[in-house]
């Protein structure tokens, strides 16, 4: 069997962002307003700082009104809630993203629940979770990583996924559960598996689509995956890389890529697969939120 198609998340994300930039320009011409995204960062976690910087750059590149609020790690919960309340009322802000994780003294659930569901561009508010789970995807703001993963699947396999067997390895509220809901709405037969699933290799082996989102480096082995399957690897893990020199590391996914690539049909690399799509879908959610808050007709859906 020829080597797998490597799904180029960067290229697909760039095409999505180009589309969003065009739509944002049309919105500006029609209304005089830009989609507005506010990102809140509490503390100095290095990974979070990188993510926030990338989101800010992407928003500006798409022609959005982009605002970043950077707060000290010891900022009180009350002050964070007050900022979110202020952003809820700001008519120039259509999307609010509070970068996780938050410092331990702040109740993440309380903060996320305070964000207006219409401005919840991460898709984590219980209202958006409920709409997605109930099959009302068109009314929800969908979490960005699962949404991006679905776009990758459709760009690879075509718009019709109906009847395919899909296994989602991972049951998180951020990726696993919403991914399963999206695949169900595409009429896939969906299994949610996880680290405690009995005979996990056999479950994965039955899948036409494997979405790995368990957060364990290279946990899904190549021989678990049936020939020709499509693999979306959401994981991003840093592991030692002594071959690069003392103290060096490298990034790997949740799938043992080198074992799988010779026989699967298509697979996302890490990095360069799902990651770029997550930010692209954040931009898509912000544009959607802006149009809804302006009482404008829905744009053509991206997925």
Protein backbone atom coordinates (compact mmCIF):
# COMPACT_ATOMS: atom_id res chain seq x y z
CA UNK A 1 0.00 0.00 0.00
CA UNK A 2 1.36 3.47 -0.87
CA UNK A 3 2.26 5.80 1.95
CA UNK A 4 -0.60 7.73 3.51
CA UNK A 5 -1.79 11.13 2.44
CA UNK A 6 -0.39 13.66 4.90
CA UNK A 7 -3.23 16.05 5.70
CA UNK A 8 -1.75 19.56 5.52
CA UNK A 9 -3.48 21.44 8.32
CA UNK A 10 -1.52 24.61 7.61
CA UNK A 11 -2.64 24.77 3.99
CA UNK A 12 -6.28 24.05 4.82
CA UNK A 13 -6.24 26.52 7.71
CA UNK A 14 -4.81 29.20 5.43
CA UNK A 15 -7.62 28.64 2.93
CA UNK A 16 -10.21 28.92 5.73
CA UNK A 17 -8.61 32.10 7.06
CA UNK A 18 -8.50 33.60 3.55
CA UNK A 19 -12.24 32.94 3.27
CA UNK A 20 -12.88 34.51 6.69
CA UNK A 21 -10.77 37.56 5.79
CA UNK A 22 -12.86 38.03 2.66
CA UNK A 23 -16.12 37.67 4.60
CA UNK A 24 -14.92 40.07 7.31
CA UNK A 25 -14.09 42.67 4.64
CA UNK A 26 -17.59 42.29 3.21
CA UNK A 27 -19.04 42.75 6.70
CA UNK A 28 -16.99 45.91 7.22
CA UNK A 29 -18.14 47.31 3.88
CA UNK A 30 -21.79 46.55 4.62
CA UNK A 31 -21.93 47.66 8.26
CA UNK A 32 -18.82 49.71 9.03
CA UNK A 33 -18.04 47.22 11.81
CA UNK A 34 -15.33 44.60 12.28
CA UNK A 35 -15.73 41.32 14.15
CA UNK A 36 -14.32 41.96 17.62
CA UNK A 37 -12.36 39.35 19.60
CA UNK A 38 -11.20 39.83 23.19
CA UNK A 39 -8.72 37.37 24.66
CA UNK A 40 -8.12 37.28 28.41
CA UNK A 41 -4.85 35.84 29.73
CA UNK A 42 -4.34 35.44 33.47
CA UNK A 43 -0.78 34.64 34.56
CA UNK A 44 2.43 33.94 32.69
CA UNK A 45 2.15 30.33 31.53
CA UNK A 46 4.57 30.18 28.55
CA UNK A 47 2.39 27.92 26.40
CA UNK A 48 -0.65 30.11 27.04
CA UNK A 49 1.33 33.20 26.09
CA UNK A 50 2.24 31.61 22.75
CA UNK A 51 -1.36 30.59 22.08
CA UNK A 52 -2.70 34.04 22.91
CA UNK A 53 -0.08 35.73 20.72
CA UNK A 54 -0.98 33.46 17.79
CA UNK A 55 -4.71 34.13 18.24
CA UNK A 56 -4.13 37.87 18.41
CA UNK A 57 -2.04 37.81 15.23
CA UNK A 58 -4.61 35.69 13.41
CA UNK A 59 -7.44 38.05 14.37
CA UNK A 60 -5.51 41.08 13.12
CA UNK A 61 -4.60 39.27 9.89
CA UNK A 62 -8.29 38.56 9.28
CA UNK A 63 -9.13 42.22 9.70
CA UNK A 64 -10.78 41.84 13.10
CA UNK A 65 -10.85 44.27 15.99
CA UNK A 66 -8.55 42.42 18.38
CA UNK A 67 -8.16 43.17 22.09
CA UNK A 68 -5.87 41.38 24.54
CA UNK A 69 -6.21 41.66 28.32
CA UNK A 70 -3.17 40.36 30.21
CA UNK A 71 -3.68 40.05 33.96
CA UNK A 72 -1.24 39.12 36.71
CA UNK A 73 -1.32 35.57 38.07
CA UNK A 74 -2.55 36.82 41.45
CA UNK A 75 -5.51 38.73 39.98
CA UNK A 76 -8.58 37.97 42.09
CA UNK A 77 -11.46 35.90 40.80
CA UNK A 78 -13.73 38.89 41.35
CA UNK A 79 -11.59 41.05 39.07
CA UNK A 80 -11.57 38.41 36.32
CA UNK A 81 -15.36 38.10 36.56
CA UNK A 82 -15.70 41.87 36.46
CA UNK A 83 -13.64 42.01 33.25
CA UNK A 84 -15.76 39.30 31.62
CA UNK A 85 -18.93 41.19 32.60
CA UNK A 86 -17.50 44.33 31.04
CA UNK A 87 -16.69 42.49 27.80
CA UNK A 88 -20.19 40.98 27.77
CA UNK A 89 -21.59 44.52 27.54
CA UNK A 90 -19.03 45.87 25.05
CA UNK A 91 -20.80 46.18 21.67
CA UNK A 92 -17.48 46.18 19.80
CA UNK A 93 -16.61 42.75 21.20
CA UNK A 94 -18.41 39.80 19.61
CA UNK A 95 -16.19 36.99 20.87
CA UNK A 96 -14.69 36.45 24.32
CA UNK A 97 -11.99 33.86 24.96
CA UNK A 98 -10.55 33.26 28.42
CA UNK A 99 -7.31 31.33 27.96
CA UNK A 100 -7.16 28.14 30.01
CA UNK A 101 -5.84 26.97 32.38
CA UNK A 102 -6.57 29.69 34.91
CA UNK A 103 -4.62 29.99 38.18
CA UNK A 104 -5.83 27.59 40.85
CA UNK A 105 -7.61 30.21 42.97
CA UNK A 106 -10.02 31.04 40.12
CA UNK A 107 -13.05 28.83 39.41
CA UNK A 108 -12.82 28.13 35.67
CA UNK A 109 -16.41 26.95 35.49
CA UNK A 110 -17.70 30.15 37.07
CA UNK A 111 -15.74 32.28 34.61
CA UNK A 112 -16.80 30.30 31.54
CA UNK A 113 -20.46 30.28 32.59
CA UNK A 114 -20.42 34.06 32.92
CA UNK A 115 -19.48 34.60 29.27
CA UNK A 116 -22.59 35.34 27.21
CA UNK A 117 -23.29 32.19 25.15
CA UNK A 118 -23.53 34.34 22.00
CA UNK A 119 -19.96 35.54 22.61
CA UNK A 120 -18.54 32.18 23.75
CA UNK A 121 -16.26 31.59 20.77
CA UNK A 122 -14.54 28.67 22.54
CA UNK A 123 -17.89 26.85 22.60
CA UNK A 124 -17.50 25.83 26.26
CA UNK A 125 -20.60 27.47 27.78
CA UNK A 126 -23.26 24.93 28.87
CA UNK A 127 -25.76 26.52 26.46
CA UNK A 128 -23.49 25.87 23.47
CA UNK A 129 -22.61 22.40 24.75
CA UNK A 130 -26.31 21.61 25.08
CA UNK A 131 -27.20 22.89 21.62
CA UNK A 132 -24.43 20.83 20.02
CA UNK A 133 -25.34 17.69 21.97
CA UNK A 134 -29.01 18.13 21.05
CA UNK A 135 -28.11 18.17 17.37
CA UNK A 136 -28.63 21.91 16.90
CA UNK A 137 -25.14 22.62 15.61
CA UNK A 138 -26.35 25.47 13.40
CA UNK A 139 -27.43 27.43 16.49
CA UNK A 140 -24.34 26.70 18.60
CA UNK A 141 -20.81 27.99 18.71
CA UNK A 142 -18.85 24.76 18.34
CA UNK A 143 -15.52 24.13 20.14
CA UNK A 144 -12.73 25.05 17.77
CA UNK A 145 -10.57 21.91 17.79
CA UNK A 146 -13.40 19.45 17.01
CA UNK A 147 -14.77 21.85 14.40
CA UNK A 148 -11.36 22.10 12.77
CA UNK A 149 -10.97 18.32 12.87
CA UNK A 150 -14.28 17.92 11.05
CA UNK A 151 -13.17 20.36 8.36
CA UNK A 152 -9.99 18.31 7.87
CA UNK A 153 -12.04 15.13 7.56
CA UNK A 154 -14.36 16.64 4.98
CA UNK A 155 -11.53 18.15 2.96
CA UNK A 156 -9.94 14.68 2.93
CA UNK A 157 -12.92 12.33 2.54
CA UNK A 158 -15.54 14.60 0.98
CA UNK A 159 -18.67 16.16 2.43
CA UNK A 160 -20.45 12.86 3.06
CA UNK A 161 -19.19 10.85 6.03
CA UNK A 162 -22.46 8.96 6.42
CA UNK A 163 -22.16 5.34 7.52
CA UNK A 164 -18.47 5.42 8.37
CA UNK A 165 -17.30 3.89 11.64
CA UNK A 166 -15.58 6.52 13.78
CA UNK A 167 -13.68 6.00 17.02
CA UNK A 168 -12.83 8.99 19.21
CA UNK A 169 -10.10 8.10 21.69
CA UNK A 170 -10.58 10.57 24.53
CA UNK A 171 -13.65 11.79 26.40
CA UNK A 172 -12.80 15.38 27.34
CA UNK A 173 -15.39 18.13 27.27
CA UNK A 174 -13.08 20.18 25.06
CA UNK A 175 -12.45 17.65 22.27
CA UNK A 176 -13.69 14.09 22.75
CA UNK A 177 -17.36 14.63 23.57
CA UNK A 178 -18.04 17.46 21.08
CA UNK A 179 -16.13 15.56 18.38
CA UNK A 180 -18.42 12.58 18.92
CA UNK A 181 -21.47 14.85 18.68
CA UNK A 182 -20.25 16.33 15.40
CA UNK A 183 -19.57 12.90 13.89
CA UNK A 184 -22.99 11.64 14.99
CA UNK A 185 -24.57 14.57 13.18
CA UNK A 186 -22.65 13.49 10.07
CA UNK A 187 -24.38 10.08 10.42
CA UNK A 188 -21.23 8.24 11.41
CA UNK A 189 -21.41 5.28 13.77
CA UNK A 190 -19.45 6.64 16.73
CA UNK A 191 -17.61 4.99 19.60
CA UNK A 192 -16.04 7.05 22.38
CA UNK A 193 -13.06 5.15 23.76
CA UNK A 194 -10.52 6.15 26.38
CA UNK A 195 -7.58 4.95 28.42
CA UNK A 196 -9.73 2.47 30.37
CA UNK A 197 -11.55 0.97 27.40
CA UNK A 198 -11.24 -2.81 27.35
CA UNK A 199 -9.33 -4.12 24.31
CA UNK A 200 -8.77 -0.64 22.96
CA UNK A 201 -6.67 -1.87 20.01
CA UNK A 202 -9.59 -3.96 18.72
CA UNK A 203 -11.99 -1.02 19.06
CA UNK A 204 -9.65 1.26 17.11
CA UNK A 205 -9.04 -1.44 14.48
CA UNK A 206 -12.71 -1.37 13.46
CA UNK A 207 -12.68 2.36 12.63
CA UNK A 208 -12.72 4.07 9.26
CA UNK A 209 -12.01 7.33 11.10
CA UNK A 210 -9.80 7.57 14.19
CA UNK A 211 -9.68 10.79 16.19
CA UNK A 212 -6.99 10.57 18.87
CA UNK A 213 -7.42 13.09 21.68
CA UNK A 214 -6.28 11.33 24.82
CA UNK A 215 -3.23 13.40 25.74
CA UNK A 216 -0.74 10.53 25.93
CA UNK A 217 2.28 10.55 23.60
CA UNK A 218 2.07 7.92 20.85
CA UNK A 219 -0.46 5.88 22.82
CA UNK A 220 -2.30 4.73 19.69
CA UNK A 221 0.06 2.30 17.97
CA UNK A 222 0.30 1.90 14.23
CA UNK A 223 -0.89 -1.71 14.21
CA UNK A 224 -4.07 -0.70 16.06
CA UNK A 225 -5.27 1.16 12.97
CA UNK A 226 -6.75 -0.67 10.01
CA UNK A 227 -5.27 -0.13 6.55
CA UNK A 228 -6.83 2.78 4.70
CA UNK A 229 -8.30 4.49 7.76
CA UNK A 230 -8.21 8.27 8.16
CA UNK A 231 -6.47 9.49 11.33
CA UNK A 232 -6.92 12.88 12.99
CA UNK A 233 -4.29 13.27 15.72
CA UNK A 234 -5.32 16.01 18.14
CA UNK A 235 -2.57 15.29 20.65
CA UNK A 236 0.45 17.52 21.10
CA UNK A 237 3.00 16.18 23.54
CA UNK A 238 6.60 17.15 24.20
CA UNK A 239 8.96 14.22 24.76
CA UNK A 240 12.74 13.92 25.22
CA UNK A 241 14.77 13.89 22.01
CA UNK A 242 18.33 12.89 23.01
CA UNK A 243 19.18 12.42 19.33
CA UNK A 244 18.96 16.22 19.02
CA UNK A 245 21.30 16.79 21.93
CA UNK A 246 21.23 16.82 25.69
CA UNK A 247 18.04 18.26 27.13
CA UNK A 248 16.36 18.61 23.71
CA UNK A 249 12.72 17.69 23.09
CA UNK A 250 10.37 17.13 20.18
CA UNK A 251 6.63 17.22 19.62
CA UNK A 252 4.61 14.09 18.97
CA UNK A 253 0.93 13.32 18.79
CA UNK A 254 -1.21 10.71 20.48
CA UNK A 255 -0.63 8.37 17.50
CA UNK A 256 2.67 6.63 16.74
CA UNK A 257 2.96 8.42 13.40
CA UNK A 258 5.97 6.54 12.02
CA UNK A 259 4.21 3.21 12.64
CA UNK A 260 0.91 4.31 11.08
CA UNK A 261 1.96 6.33 8.07
CA UNK A 262 2.83 3.33 5.88
CA UNK A 263 -0.65 1.81 5.86
CA UNK A 264 -3.34 4.32 6.82
CA UNK A 265 -5.18 6.23 4.13
CA UNK A 266 -4.56 9.71 5.50
CA UNK A 267 -3.14 11.17 8.70
CA UNK A 268 -2.51 14.57 10.26
CA UNK A 269 1.07 15.35 11.28
CA UNK A 270 2.08 16.82 14.64
CA UNK A 271 2.78 19.67 14.48
CA UNK A 272 1.11 21.10 11.37
CA UNK A 273 -2.18 19.21 11.46
CA UNK A 274 -5.03 20.06 13.81
CA UNK A 275 -3.28 22.96 15.57
CA UNK A 276 -3.56 25.55 12.77
CA UNK A 277 -7.20 24.58 12.24
CA UNK A 278 -8.06 25.35 15.86
CA UNK A 279 -7.10 28.99 15.43
CA UNK A 280 -8.81 29.19 12.02
CA UNK A 281 -12.07 27.95 13.55
CA UNK A 282 -11.75 30.47 16.37
CA UNK A 283 -11.76 33.15 13.69
CA UNK A 284 -14.78 31.48 12.06
CA UNK A 285 -16.67 31.43 15.37
CA UNK A 286 -15.89 35.10 15.96
CA UNK A 287 -17.22 36.04 12.54
CA UNK A 288 -20.35 33.94 13.13
CA UNK A 289 -20.88 35.54 16.54
CA UNK A 290 -20.50 39.02 15.03
CA UNK A 291 -23.09 38.38 12.33
CA UNK A 292 -25.56 36.97 14.85
CA UNK A 293 -25.10 39.84 17.28
CA UNK A 294 -25.64 42.28 14.39
CA UNK A 295 -28.83 40.38 13.46
CA UNK A 296 -27.48 39.58 10.02
CA UNK A 297 -28.29 36.41 8.03
CA UNK A 298 -26.00 33.44 8.62
CA UNK A 299 -23.03 33.11 6.28
CA UNK A 300 -22.60 29.87 4.39
CA UNK A 301 -21.32 27.33 6.92
CA UNK A 302 -17.69 26.25 6.76
CA UNK A 303 -18.52 22.68 7.80
